[in-house]
Amino acid sequence: MHSLSQLKEYLPFLIPLFLIQLGLMIAALVHIFRHKNYRIGNRVLWVILAVALNTIGPVLYFTIGRGED
């Protein structure tokens, strides 16, 4: 039961982090599916990275993967 009380203590910090992570992933996926040009890699690679690497994947996509529109 001790770990449950610790989790409740950290929820005000974890919920916003989770929402930011989810928002970044959704924004990256929407952009990936709407655009066909990528600087590096292809659509499949970026979808896998955006989902598997959580926060880092979408940030990598927006910094190095997103191609010119």
Foldseek 3Di string as FASTA:
>chain_A
DVVVVVCVVCVVVVVVVLVVLVVLLVVQLVLLVVDADWQDDGSVVLNCQSVVVRNVSSVCCVPHTDDDD
